[in-house]
Amino acid sequence: MTAAASGLRRVDLCGLEEVPAGTMKLCEVGDDLVLVVNLNGQLHATQGVCSHEYFELDKGFLTGESITCALHLSRFSLADGEPLDPPAELPLVVYPVIVEGGRVLIEVPPGSLEVSR
């Protein structure tokens, strides 16, 4: 089933070469931010700001298979967005990633991106 047939849209975030293994990149989608992380070739995409307090997650650091926010050191699983360390209580929204033609895309419903705040 295509994205259009499922009611979803594909959003182009960046080129695959812009996110080498072990790095992350903050991408703008309208007024929203999406963090793309490359963990040894496996790509993840989450909301780009911490769910605890507005702070851009690309300023944080990767710790194993999680991202740590540099503001209050909340840590989140990249697999499902769940908070692993306080003070964050809400999970990050995780977006499905597709790589197509050397581009990193997410598949999401129409409208504004879902974000935990």
PDB file of N, CA and C in Angstrom:
ATOM      1  N   MET A   1       0.848  -1.174   0.000  1.00  0.00           N
ATOM      2  CA  MET A   1       0.000   0.000   0.000  1.00  0.00           C
ATOM      3  C   MET A   1       0.897   1.243   0.000  1.00  0.00           C
ATOM      4  N   THR A   2       0.581   2.197  -0.828  1.00  0.00           N
ATOM      5  CA  THR A   2       1.368   3.429  -0.901  1.00  0.00           C
ATOM      6  C   THR A   2       1.018   4.341   0.259  1.00  0.00           C
ATOM      7  N   ALA A   3       1.895   5.328   0.491  1.00  0.00           N
ATOM      8  CA  ALA A   3       1.651   6.297   1.562  1.00  0.00           C
ATOM      9  C   ALA A   3       0.323   7.003   1.341  1.00  0.00           C
ATOM     10  N   ALA A   4       0.047   7.424   0.097  1.00  0.00           N
ATOM     11  CA  ALA A   4      -1.195   8.136  -0.206  1.00  0.00           C
ATOM     12  C   ALA A   4      -2.408   7.250   0.049  1.00  0.00           C
ATOM     13  N   ALA A   5      -2.311   5.972  -0.320  1.00  0.00           N
ATOM     14  CA  ALA A   5      -3.427   5.051  -0.131  1.00  0.00           C
ATOM     15  C   ALA A   5      -3.706   4.795   1.346  1.00  0.00           C
ATOM     16  N   SER A   6      -2.683   4.894   2.187  1.00  0.00           N
ATOM     17  CA  SER A   6      -2.868   4.663   3.620  1.00  0.00           C
ATOM     18  C   SER A   6      -3.244   5.943   4.360  1.00  0.00           C
ATOM     19  N   GLY A   7      -3.360   7.063   3.628  1.00  0.00           N
ATOM     20  CA  GLY A   7      -3.701   8.332   4.272  1.00  0.00           C
ATOM     21  C   GLY A   7      -2.501   9.038   4.867  1.00  0.00           C
ATOM     22  N   LEU A   8      -1.308   8.530   4.595  1.00  0.00           N
ATOM     23  CA  LEU A   8      -0.084   9.129   5.123  1.00  0.00           C
ATOM     24  C   LEU A   8       0.621   9.913   4.026  1.00  0.00           C
ATOM     25  N   ARG A   9       1.511  10.778   4.436  1.00  0.00           N
ATOM     26  CA  ARG A   9       2.341  11.514   3.480  1.00  0.00           C
ATOM     27  C   ARG A   9       3.798  11.252   3.821  1.00  0.00           C
ATOM     28  N   ARG A  10       4.648  11.346   2.830  1.00  0.00           N
ATOM     29  CA  ARG A  10       6.088  11.203   3.042  1.00  0.00           C
ATOM     30  C   ARG A  10       6.697  12.589   3.076  1.00  0.00           C
ATOM     31  N   VAL A  11       7.525  12.826   4.085  1.00  0.00           N
ATOM     32  CA  VAL A  11       8.179  14.118   4.258  1.00  0.00           C
ATOM     33  C   VAL A  11       9.681  13.910   4.102  1.00  0.00           C
ATOM     34  N   ASP A  12      10.273  14.639   3.159  1.00  0.00           N
ATOM     35  CA  ASP A  12      11.709  14.566   2.896  1.00  0.00           C
ATOM     36  C   ASP A  12      12.438  15.385   3.951  1.00  0.00           C
ATOM     37  N   LEU A  13      13.370  14.735   4.664  1.00  0.00           N
ATOM     38  CA  LEU A  13      14.105  15.411   5.734  1.00  0.00           C
ATOM     39  C   LEU A  13      15.493  15.859   5.313  1.00  0.00           C
ATOM     40  N   CYS A  14      16.266  14.954   4.697  1.00  0.00           N
ATOM     41  CA  CYS A  14      17.651  15.280   4.364  1.00  0.00           C
ATOM     42  C   CYS A  14      18.229  14.176   3.495  1.00  0.00           C
ATOM     43  N   GLY A  15      19.428  14.428   2.994  1.00  0.00           N
ATOM     44  CA  GLY A  15      20.146  13.402   2.253  1.00  0.00           C
ATOM     45  C   GLY A  15      20.771  12.400   3.209  1.00  0.00           C
ATOM     46  N   LEU A  16      20.806  11.150   2.820  1.00  0.00           N
ATOM     47  CA  LEU A  16      21.397  10.102   3.651  1.00  0.00           C
ATOM     48  C   LEU A  16      22.844  10.432   4.008  1.00  0.00           C
ATOM     49  N   GLU A  17      23.579  11.050   3.070  1.00  0.00           N
ATOM     50  CA  GLU A  17      24.992  11.397   3.316  1.00  0.00           C
ATOM     51  C   GLU A  17      25.146  12.480   4.381  1.00  0.00           C
ATOM     52  N   GLU A  18      24.074  13.179   4.722  1.00  0.00           N
ATOM     53  CA  GLU A  18      24.132  14.227   5.742  1.00  0.00           C
ATOM     54  C   GLU A  18      24.108  13.676   7.165  1.00  0.00           C
ATOM     55  N   VAL A  19      23.855  12.353   7.284  1.00  0.00           N
ATOM     56  CA  VAL A  19      23.770  11.733   8.608  1.00  0.00           C
ATOM     57  C   VAL A  19      24.643  10.473   8.615  1.00  0.00           C
ATOM     58  N   PRO A  20      25.974  10.643   8.678  1.00  0.00           N
ATOM     59  CA  PRO A  20      26.851   9.469   8.726  1.00  0.00           C
ATOM     60  C   PRO A  20      26.615   8.654  10.003  1.00  0.00           C
ATOM     61  N   ALA A  21      27.044   7.411   9.998  1.00  0.00           N
ATOM     62  CA  ALA A  21      26.887   6.538  11.166  1.00  0.00           C
ATOM     63  C   ALA A  21      27.441   7.219  12.418  1.00  0.00           C
ATOM     64  N   GLY A  22      26.670   7.131  13.502  1.00  0.00           N
ATOM     65  CA  GLY A  22      27.093   7.697  14.785  1.00  0.00           C
ATOM     66  C   GLY A  22      26.798   9.176  14.940  1.00  0.00           C
ATOM     67  N   THR A  23      26.034   9.762  14.000  1.00  0.00           N
ATOM     68  CA  THR A  23      25.727  11.189  14.084  1.00  0.00           C
ATOM     69  C   THR A  23      24.223  11.422  14.098  1.00  0.00           C
ATOM     70  N   MET A  24      23.859  12.681  14.307  1.00  0.00           N
ATOM     71  CA  MET A  24      22.455  13.079  14.270  1.00  0.00           C
ATOM     72  C   MET A  24      22.346  14.428  13.577  1.00  0.00           C
ATOM     73  N   LYS A  25      21.156  14.692  13.058  1.00  0.00           N
ATOM     74  CA  LYS A  25      20.909  15.941  12.334  1.00  0.00           C
ATOM     75  C   LYS A  25      19.504  16.415  12.658  1.00  0.00           C
ATOM     76  N   LEU A  26      19.383  17.703  12.968  1.00  0.00           N
ATOM     77  CA  LEU A  26      18.090  18.316  13.229  1.00  0.00           C
ATOM     78  C   LEU A  26      17.537  18.865  11.920  1.00  0.00           C
ATOM     79  N   CYS A  27      16.321  18.477  11.570  1.00  0.00           N
ATOM     80  CA  CYS A  27      15.693  18.876  10.312  1.00  0.00           C
ATOM     81  C   CYS A  27      14.409  19.644  10.593  1.00  0.00           C
ATOM     82  N   GLU A  28      14.136  20.641   9.768  1.00  0.00           N
ATOM     83  CA  GLU A  28      12.918  21.438   9.915  1.00  0.00           C
ATOM     84  C   GLU A  28      11.823  20.885   9.015  1.00  0.00           C
ATOM     85  N   VAL A  29      10.626  20.764   9.588  1.00  0.00           N
ATOM     86  CA  VAL A  29       9.433  20.374   8.846  1.00  0.00           C
ATOM     87  C   VAL A  29       8.383  21.425   9.196  1.00  0.00           C
ATOM     88  N   GLY A  30       8.292  22.447   8.372  1.00  0.00           N
ATOM     89  CA  GLY A  30       7.409  23.568   8.710  1.00  0.00           C
ATOM     90  C   GLY A  30       7.897  24.222   9.992  1.00  0.00           C
ATOM     91  N   ASP A  31       7.020  24.311  10.978  1.00  0.00           N
ATOM     92  CA  ASP A  31       7.385  24.884  12.274  1.00  0.00           C
ATOM     93  C   ASP A  31       7.914  23.846  13.250  1.00  0.00           C
ATOM     94  N   ASP A  32       7.960  22.583  12.837  1.00  0.00           N
ATOM     95  CA  ASP A  32       8.390  21.498  13.718  1.00  0.00           C
ATOM     96  C   ASP A  32       9.825  21.084  13.410  1.00  0.00           C
ATOM     97  N   LEU A  33      10.444  20.422  14.384  1.00  0.00           N
ATOM     98  CA  LEU A  33      11.804  19.917  14.235  1.00  0.00           C
ATOM     99  C   LEU A  33      11.791  18.403  14.390  1.00  0.00           C
ATOM    100  N   VAL A  34      12.573  17.735  13.547  1.00  0.00           N
ATOM    101  CA  VAL A  34      12.711  16.280  13.599  1.00  0.00           C
ATOM    102  C   VAL A  34      14.193  15.961  13.725  1.00  0.00           C
ATOM    103  N   LEU A  35      14.517  15.085  14.664  1.00  0.00           N
ATOM    104  CA  LEU A  35      15.893  14.641  14.849  1.00  0.00           C
ATOM    105  C   LEU A  35      16.085  13.317  14.125  1.00  0.00           C
ATOM    106  N   VAL A  36      17.057  13.281  13.218  1.00  0.00           N
ATOM    107  CA  VAL A  36      17.413  12.048  12.516  1.00  0.00           C
ATOM    108  C   VAL A  36      18.722  11.553  13.122  1.00  0.00           C
ATOM    109  N   VAL A  37      18.740  10.277  13.518  1.00  0.00           N
ATOM    110  CA  VAL A  37      19.915   9.684  14.147  1.00  0.00           C
ATOM    111  C   VAL A  37      20.312   8.445  13.356  1.00  0.00           C
ATOM    112  N   ASN A  38      21.597   8.308  13.081  1.00  0.00           N
ATOM    113  CA  ASN A  38      22.122   7.135  12.401  1.00  0.00           C
ATOM    114  C   ASN A  38      22.949   6.345  13.409  1.00  0.00           C
ATOM    115  N   LEU A  39      22.392   5.215  13.863  1.00  0.00           N
ATOM    116  CA  LEU A  39      23.118   4.324  14.776  1.00  0.00           C
ATOM    117  C   LEU A  39      23.645   3.146  13.963  1.00  0.00           C
ATOM    118  N   ASN A  40      24.897   3.231  13.560  1.00  0.00           N
ATOM    119  CA  ASN A  40      25.548   2.155  12.805  1.00  0.00           C
ATOM    120  C   ASN A  40      24.729   1.712  11.600  1.00  0.00           C
ATOM    121  N   GLY A  41      24.188   2.682  10.867  1.00  0.00           N
ATOM    122  CA  GLY A  41      23.428   2.378   9.664  1.00  0.00           C
ATOM    123  C   GLY A  41      21.935   2.246   9.871  1.00  0.00           C
ATOM    124  N   GLN A  42      21.491   2.144  11.117  1.00  0.00           N
ATOM    125  CA  GLN A  42      20.049   2.089  11.388  1.00  0.00           C
ATOM    126  C   GLN A  42      19.564   3.503  11.691  1.00  0.00           C
ATOM    127  N   LEU A  43      18.603   3.969  10.904  1.00  0.00           N
ATOM    128  CA  LEU A  43      18.113   5.337  11.055  1.00  0.00           C
ATOM    129  C   LEU A  43      16.896   5.400  11.969  1.00  0.00           C
ATOM    130  N   HIS A  44      16.877   6.443  12.788  1.00  0.00           N
ATOM    131  CA  HIS A  44      15.756   6.719  13.684  1.00  0.00           C
ATOM    132  C   HIS A  44      15.352   8.176  13.473  1.00  0.00           C
ATOM    133  N   ALA A  45      14.079   8.473  13.675  1.00  0.00           N
ATOM    134  CA  ALA A  45      13.595   9.852  13.618  1.00  0.00           C
ATOM    135  C   ALA A  45      12.641  10.076  14.779  1.00  0.00           C
ATOM    136  N   THR A  46      12.905  11.138  15.544  1.00  0.00           N
ATOM    137  CA  THR A  46      12.047  11.499  16.675  1.00  0.00           C
ATOM    138  C   THR A  46      11.751  12.987  16.589  1.00  0.00           C
ATOM    139  N   GLN A  47      10.809  13.420  17.424  1.00  0.00           N
ATOM    140  CA  GLN A  47      10.608  14.860  17.531  1.00  0.00           C
ATOM    141  C   GLN A  47      11.946  15.464  17.919  1.00  0.00           C
ATOM    142  N   GLY A  48      12.199  16.675  17.466  1.00  0.00           N
ATOM    143  CA  GLY A  48      13.516  17.276  17.639  1.00  0.00           C
ATOM    144  C   GLY A  48      13.729  18.032  18.926  1.00  0.00           C
ATOM    145  N   VAL A  49      12.678  18.150  19.750  1.00  0.00           N
ATOM    146  CA  VAL A  49      12.808  18.863  21.020  1.00  0.00           C
ATOM    147  C   VAL A  49      12.406  17.945  22.170  1.00  0.00           C
ATOM    148  N   CYS A  50      13.019  18.174  23.313  1.00  0.00           N
ATOM    149  CA  CYS A  50      12.752  17.379  24.510  1.00  0.00           C
ATOM    150  C   CYS A  50      11.292  17.530  24.928  1.00  0.00           C
ATOM    151  N   SER A  51      10.697  16.442  25.397  1.00  0.00           N
ATOM    152  CA  SER A  51       9.299  16.482  25.840  1.00  0.00           C
ATOM    153  C   SER A  51       9.160  17.094  27.230  1.00  0.00           C
ATOM    154  N   HIS A  52      10.253  17.259  27.938  1.00  0.00           N
ATOM    155  CA  HIS A  52      10.208  17.826  29.285  1.00  0.00           C
ATOM    156  C   HIS A  52      10.160  19.351  29.246  1.00  0.00           C
ATOM    157  N   GLU A  53      11.069  19.923  28.511  1.00  0.00           N
ATOM    158  CA  GLU A  53      11.140  21.373  28.379  1.00  0.00           C
ATOM    159  C   GLU A  53      11.761  21.651  27.019  1.00  0.00           C
ATOM    160  N   TYR A  54      11.284  22.686  26.344  1.00  0.00           N
ATOM    161  CA  TYR A  54      11.754  22.938  24.980  1.00  0.00           C
ATOM    162  C   TYR A  54      13.275  23.090  24.964  1.00  0.00           C
ATOM    163  N   PHE A  55      13.933  22.143  24.327  1.00  0.00           N
ATOM    164  CA  PHE A  55      15.377  22.198  24.116  1.00  0.00           C
ATOM    165  C   PHE A  55      15.683  21.282  22.945  1.00  0.00           C
ATOM    166  N   GLU A  56      16.439  21.788  21.993  1.00  0.00           N
ATOM    167  CA  GLU A  56      16.740  21.026  20.785  1.00  0.00           C
ATOM    168  C   GLU A  56      17.652  19.839  21.107  1.00  0.00           C
ATOM    169  N   LEU A  57      17.212  18.665  20.702  1.00  0.00           N
ATOM    170  CA  LEU A  57      17.911  17.436  21.070  1.00  0.00           C
ATOM    171  C   LEU A  57      19.230  17.226  20.340  1.00  0.00           C
ATOM    172  N   ASP A  58      19.468  17.919  19.237  1.00  0.00           N
ATOM    173  CA  ASP A  58      20.756  17.760  18.561  1.00  0.00           C
ATOM    174  C   ASP A  58      21.897  18.361  19.378  1.00  0.00           C
ATOM    175  N   LYS A  59      21.571  19.132  20.404  1.00  0.00           N
ATOM    176  CA  LYS A  59      22.585  19.674  21.311  1.00  0.00           C
ATOM    177  C   LYS A  59      22.948  18.654  22.403  1.00  0.00           C
ATOM    178  N   GLY A  60      22.206  17.557  22.435  1.00  0.00           N
ATOM    179  CA  GLY A  60      22.460  16.485  23.403  1.00  0.00           C
ATOM    180  C   GLY A  60      23.497  15.514  22.857  1.00  0.00           C
ATOM    181  N   PHE A  61      23.459  14.295  23.394  1.00  0.00           N
ATOM    182  CA  PHE A  61      24.454  13.322  22.965  1.00  0.00           C
ATOM    183  C   PHE A  61      23.865  11.920  22.922  1.00  0.00           C
ATOM    184  N   LEU A  62      24.453  11.108  22.044  1.00  0.00           N
ATOM    185  CA  LEU A  62      24.033   9.729  21.900  1.00  0.00           C
ATOM    186  C   LEU A  62      24.697   8.890  22.976  1.00  0.00           C
ATOM    187  N   THR A  63      23.903   8.044  23.612  1.00  0.00           N
ATOM    188  CA  THR A  63      24.407   7.144  24.649  1.00  0.00           C
ATOM    189  C   THR A  63      23.857   5.754  24.344  1.00  0.00           C
ATOM    190  N   GLY A  64      24.643   4.946  23.688  1.00  0.00           N
ATOM    191  CA  GLY A  64      24.160   3.631  23.277  1.00  0.00           C
ATOM    192  C   GLY A  64      23.039   3.800  22.268  1.00  0.00           C
ATOM    193  N   GLU A  65      21.867   3.266  22.585  1.00  0.00           N
ATOM    194  CA  GLU A  65      20.715   3.377  21.694  1.00  0.00           C
ATOM    195  C   GLU A  65      19.708   4.380  22.228  1.00  0.00           C
ATOM    196  N   SER A  66      20.239   5.440  22.855  1.00  0.00           N
ATOM    197  CA  SER A  66      19.376   6.482  23.403  1.00  0.00           C
ATOM    198  C   SER A  66      19.980   7.855  23.121  1.00  0.00           C
ATOM    199  N   ILE A  67      19.137   8.864  23.292  1.00  0.00           N
ATOM    200  CA  ILE A  67      19.565  10.256  23.147  1.00  0.00           C
ATOM    201  C   ILE A  67      19.381  10.918  24.508  1.00  0.00           C
ATOM    202  N   THR A  68      20.373  11.695  24.927  1.00  0.00           N
ATOM    203  CA  THR A  68      20.299  12.410  26.193  1.00  0.00           C
ATOM    204  C   THR A  68      20.185  13.896  25.911  1.00  0.00           C
ATOM    205  N   CYS A  69      19.166  14.513  26.495  1.00  0.00           N
ATOM    206  CA  CYS A  69      18.974  15.954  26.355  1.00  0.00           C
ATOM    207  C   CYS A  69      20.015  16.659  27.219  1.00  0.00           C
ATOM    208  N   ALA A  70      20.682  17.631  26.655  1.00  0.00           N
ATOM    209  CA  ALA A  70      21.754  18.325  27.377  1.00  0.00           C
ATOM    210  C   ALA A  70      21.232  19.293  28.442  1.00  0.00           C
ATOM    211  N   LEU A  71      19.949  19.652  28.400  1.00  0.00           N
ATOM    212  CA  LEU A  71      19.437  20.637  29.347  1.00  0.00           C
ATOM    213  C   LEU A  71      19.290  20.075  30.763  1.00  0.00           C
ATOM    214  N   HIS A  72      18.533  18.978  30.908  1.00  0.00           N
ATOM    215  CA  HIS A  72      18.315  18.393  32.233  1.00  0.00           C
ATOM    216  C   HIS A  72      18.721  16.925  32.307  1.00  0.00           C
ATOM    217  N   LEU A  73      19.383  16.436  31.256  1.00  0.00           N
ATOM    218  CA  LEU A  73      19.922  15.074  31.179  1.00  0.00           C
ATOM    219  C   LEU A  73      18.865  13.979  31.154  1.00  0.00           C
ATOM    220  N   SER A  74      17.659  14.301  30.689  1.00  0.00           N
ATOM    221  CA  SER A  74      16.678  13.245  30.438  1.00  0.00           C
ATOM    222  C   SER A  74      17.188  12.411  29.273  1.00  0.00           C
ATOM    223  N   ARG A  75      17.012  11.104  29.398  1.00  0.00           N
ATOM    224  CA  ARG A  75      17.476  10.194  28.354  1.00  0.00           C
ATOM    225  C   ARG A  75      16.262   9.472  27.773  1.00  0.00           C
ATOM    226  N   PHE A  76      16.258   9.279  26.443  1.00  0.00           N
ATOM    227  CA  PHE A  76      15.130   8.672  25.751  1.00  0.00           C
ATOM    228  C   PHE A  76      15.598   7.530  24.860  1.00  0.00           C
ATOM    229  N   SER A  77      14.807   6.468  24.805  1.00  0.00           N
ATOM    230  CA  SER A  77      15.064   5.368  23.883  1.00  0.00           C
ATOM    231  C   SER A  77      14.812   5.836  22.460  1.00  0.00           C
ATOM    232  N   LEU A  78      15.733   5.544  21.559  1.00  0.00           N
ATOM    233  CA  LEU A  78      15.521   5.882  20.151  1.00  0.00           C
ATOM    234  C   LEU A  78      14.553   4.909  19.485  1.00  0.00           C
ATOM    235  N   ALA A  79      14.394   3.720  20.045  1.00  0.00           N
ATOM    236  CA  ALA A  79      13.498   2.723  19.456  1.00  0.00           C
ATOM    237  C   ALA A  79      12.033   3.106  19.611  1.00  0.00           C
ATOM    238  N   ASP A  80      11.651   3.571  20.817  1.00  0.00           N
ATOM    239  CA  ASP A  80      10.234   3.854  21.051  1.00  0.00           C
ATOM    240  C   ASP A  80       9.972   5.220  21.681  1.00  0.00           C
ATOM    241  N   GLY A  81      11.025   6.002  21.929  1.00  0.00           N
ATOM    242  CA  GLY A  81      10.862   7.347  22.481  1.00  0.00           C
ATOM    243  C   GLY A  81      10.630   7.411  23.975  1.00  0.00           C
ATOM    244  N   GLU A  82      10.542   6.278  24.645  1.00  0.00           N
ATOM    245  CA  GLU A  82      10.237   6.271  26.079  1.00  0.00           C
ATOM    246  C   GLU A  82      11.342   6.940  26.884  1.00  0.00           C
ATOM    247  N   PRO A  83      10.951   7.732  27.902  1.00  0.00           N
ATOM    248  CA  PRO A  83      11.958   8.350  28.763  1.00  0.00           C
ATOM    249  C   PRO A  83      12.611   7.286  29.651  1.00  0.00           C
ATOM    250  N   LEU A  84      13.927   7.313  29.717  1.00  0.00           N
ATOM    251  CA  LEU A  84      14.681   6.343  30.510  1.00  0.00           C
ATOM    252  C   LEU A  84      15.198   6.952  31.801  1.00  0.00           C
ATOM    253  N   ASP A  85      15.338   8.262  31.827  1.00  0.00           N
ATOM    254  CA  ASP A  85      15.809   8.977  33.021  1.00  0.00           C
ATOM    255  C   ASP A  85      14.976  10.242  33.192  1.00  0.00           C
ATOM    256  N   PRO A  86      14.671  10.586  34.463  1.00  0.00           N
ATOM    257  CA  PRO A  86      13.937  11.828  34.709  1.00  0.00           C
ATOM    258  C   PRO A  86      14.834  13.035  34.427  1.00  0.00           C
ATOM    259  N   PRO A  87      14.264  14.212  34.332  1.00  0.00           N
ATOM    260  CA  PRO A  87      12.923  14.569  34.771  1.00  0.00           C
ATOM    261  C   PRO A  87      11.834  14.356  33.722  1.00  0.00           C
ATOM    262  N   ALA A  88      12.166  13.994  32.493  1.00  0.00           N
ATOM    263  CA  ALA A  88      11.134  13.799  31.467  1.00  0.00           C
ATOM    264  C   ALA A  88      10.211  12.651  31.854  1.00  0.00           C
ATOM    265  N   GLU A  89       8.923  12.839  31.610  1.00  0.00           N
ATOM    266  CA  GLU A  89       7.923  11.803  31.869  1.00  0.00           C
ATOM    267  C   GLU A  89       7.195  11.385  30.600  1.00  0.00           C
ATOM    268  N   LEU A  90       7.113  12.302  29.635  1.00  0.00           N
ATOM    269  CA  LEU A  90       6.434  12.001  28.375  1.00  0.00           C
ATOM    270  C   LEU A  90       7.426  11.454  27.357  1.00  0.00           C
ATOM    271  N   PRO A  91       7.020  10.457  26.566  1.00  0.00           N
ATOM    272  CA  PRO A  91       7.921   9.938  25.542  1.00  0.00           C
ATOM    273  C   PRO A  91       8.071  10.917  24.384  1.00  0.00           C
ATOM    274  N   LEU A  92       9.144  10.762  23.642  1.00  0.00           N
ATOM    275  CA  LEU A  92       9.304  11.476  22.370  1.00  0.00           C
ATOM    276  C   LEU A  92       8.442  10.765  21.343  1.00  0.00           C
ATOM    277  N   VAL A  93       7.891  11.508  20.404  1.00  0.00           N
ATOM    278  CA  VAL A  93       7.193  10.888  19.295  1.00  0.00           C
ATOM    279  C   VAL A  93       8.252  10.362  18.330  1.00  0.00           C
ATOM    280  N   VAL A  94       8.087   9.116  17.906  1.00  0.00           N
ATOM    281  CA  VAL A  94       9.000   8.463  16.976  1.00  0.00           C
ATOM    282  C   VAL A  94       8.284   8.342  15.635  1.00  0.00           C
ATOM    283  N   TYR A  95       8.973   8.689  14.560  1.00  0.00           N
ATOM    284  CA  TYR A  95       8.388   8.666  13.226  1.00  0.00           C
ATOM    285  C   TYR A  95       8.999   7.535  12.406  1.00  0.00           C
ATOM    286  N   PRO A  96       8.191   6.831  11.604  1.00  0.00           N
ATOM    287  CA  PRO A  96       8.731   5.779  10.738  1.00  0.00           C
ATOM    288  C   PRO A  96       9.652   6.380   9.674  1.00  0.00           C
ATOM    289  N   VAL A  97      10.809   5.768   9.495  1.00  0.00           N
ATOM    290  CA  VAL A  97      11.814   6.257   8.544  1.00  0.00           C
ATOM    291  C   VAL A  97      11.829   5.382   7.297  1.00  0.00           C
ATOM    292  N   ILE A  98      11.950   6.040   6.157  1.00  0.00           N
ATOM    293  CA  ILE A  98      12.099   5.373   4.872  1.00  0.00           C
ATOM    294  C   ILE A  98      13.288   6.025   4.180  1.00  0.00           C
ATOM    295  N   VAL A  99      14.144   5.215   3.567  1.00  0.00           N
ATOM    296  CA  VAL A  99      15.236   5.754   2.755  1.00  0.00           C
ATOM    297  C   VAL A  99      14.890   5.440   1.304  1.00  0.00           C
ATOM    298  N   GLU A 100      14.875   6.479   0.499  1.00  0.00           N
ATOM    299  CA  GLU A 100      14.475   6.321  -0.894  1.00  0.00           C
ATOM    300  C   GLU A 100      15.299   7.267  -1.757  1.00  0.00           C
ATOM    301  N   GLY A 101      15.981   6.732  -2.728  1.00  0.00           N
ATOM    302  CA  GLY A 101      16.771   7.561  -3.637  1.00  0.00           C
ATOM    303  C   GLY A 101      17.837   8.373  -2.923  1.00  0.00           C
ATOM    304  N   GLY A 102      18.426   7.808  -1.856  1.00  0.00           N
ATOM    305  CA  GLY A 102      19.464   8.515  -1.114  1.00  0.00           C
ATOM    306  C   GLY A 102      18.938   9.619  -0.201  1.00  0.00           C
ATOM    307  N   ARG A 103      17.620   9.655  -0.009  1.00  0.00           N
ATOM    308  CA  ARG A 103      16.992  10.661   0.853  1.00  0.00           C
ATOM    309  C   ARG A 103      16.362   9.979   2.066  1.00  0.00           C
ATOM    310  N   VAL A 104      16.376  10.678   3.202  1.00  0.00           N
ATOM    311  CA  VAL A 104      15.740  10.193   4.429  1.00  0.00           C
ATOM    312  C   VAL A 104      14.368  10.846   4.519  1.00  0.00           C
ATOM    313  N   LEU A 105      13.328  10.005   4.613  1.00  0.00           N
ATOM    314  CA  LEU A 105      11.947  10.473   4.678  1.00  0.00           C
ATOM    315  C   LEU A 105      11.265   9.899   5.907  1.00  0.00           C
ATOM    316  N   ILE A 106      10.229  10.579   6.363  1.00  0.00           N
ATOM    317  CA  ILE A 106       9.351  10.007   7.379  1.00  0.00           C
ATOM    318  C   ILE A 106       7.957   9.912   6.783  1.00  0.00           C
ATOM    319  N   GLU A 107       7.177   8.957   7.291  1.00  0.00           N
ATOM    320  CA  GLU A 107       5.809   8.760   6.822  1.00  0.00           C
ATOM    321  C   GLU A 107       4.874   9.122   7.967  1.00  0.00           C
ATOM    322  N   VAL A 108       4.082  10.182   7.762  1.00  0.00           N
ATOM    323  CA  VAL A 108       3.242  10.735   8.820  1.00  0.00           C
ATOM    324  C   VAL A 108       1.873  11.140   8.271  1.00  0.00           C
ATOM    325  N   PRO A 109       0.881  11.305   9.157  1.00  0.00           N
ATOM    326  CA  PRO A 109      -0.424  11.801   8.709  1.00  0.00           C
ATOM    327  C   PRO A 109      -0.311  13.248   8.211  1.00  0.00           C
ATOM    328  N   PRO A 110      -1.286  13.686   7.396  1.00  0.00           N
ATOM    329  CA  PRO A 110      -1.295  15.084   6.937  1.00  0.00           C
ATOM    330  C   PRO A 110      -1.398  16.045   8.119  1.00  0.00           C
ATOM    331  N   GLY A 111      -0.972  17.284   7.895  1.00  0.00           N
ATOM    332  CA  GLY A 111      -1.066  18.312   8.931  1.00  0.00           C
ATOM    333  C   GLY A 111       0.214  18.440   9.726  1.00  0.00           C
ATOM    334  N   SER A 112       0.105  19.091  10.872  1.00  0.00           N
ATOM    335  CA  SER A 112       1.269  19.286  11.755  1.00  0.00           C
ATOM    336  C   SER A 112       1.738  17.943  12.286  1.00  0.00           C
ATOM    337  N   LEU A 113       3.026  17.856  12.551  1.00  0.00           N
ATOM    338  CA  LEU A 113       3.579  16.634  13.121  1.00  0.00           C
ATOM    339  C   LEU A 113       3.100  16.464  14.561  1.00  0.00           C
ATOM    340  N   GLU A 114       2.882  15.212  14.947  1.00  0.00           N
ATOM    341  CA  GLU A 114       2.560  14.920  16.341  1.00  0.00           C
ATOM    342  C   GLU A 114       3.824  15.130  17.157  1.00  0.00           C
ATOM    343  N   VAL A 115       3.693  15.831  18.300  1.00  0.00           N
ATOM    344  CA  VAL A 115       4.826  16.141  19.173  1.00  0.00           C
ATOM    345  C   VAL A 115       4.360  16.059  20.623  1.00  0.00           C
ATOM    346  N   SER A 116       5.151  15.428  21.494  1.00  0.00           N
ATOM    347  CA  SER A 116       4.847  15.434  22.941  1.00  0.00           C
ATOM    348  C   SER A 116       5.424  16.678  23.558  1.00  0.00           C
ATOM    349  N   ARG A 117       4.616  17.383  24.351  1.00  0.00           N
ATOM    350  CA  ARG A 117       5.087  18.599  25.030  1.00  0.00           C
ATOM    351  C   ARG A 117       4.698  18.554  26.482  1.00  0.00           C
TER     352      ARG A 117
END
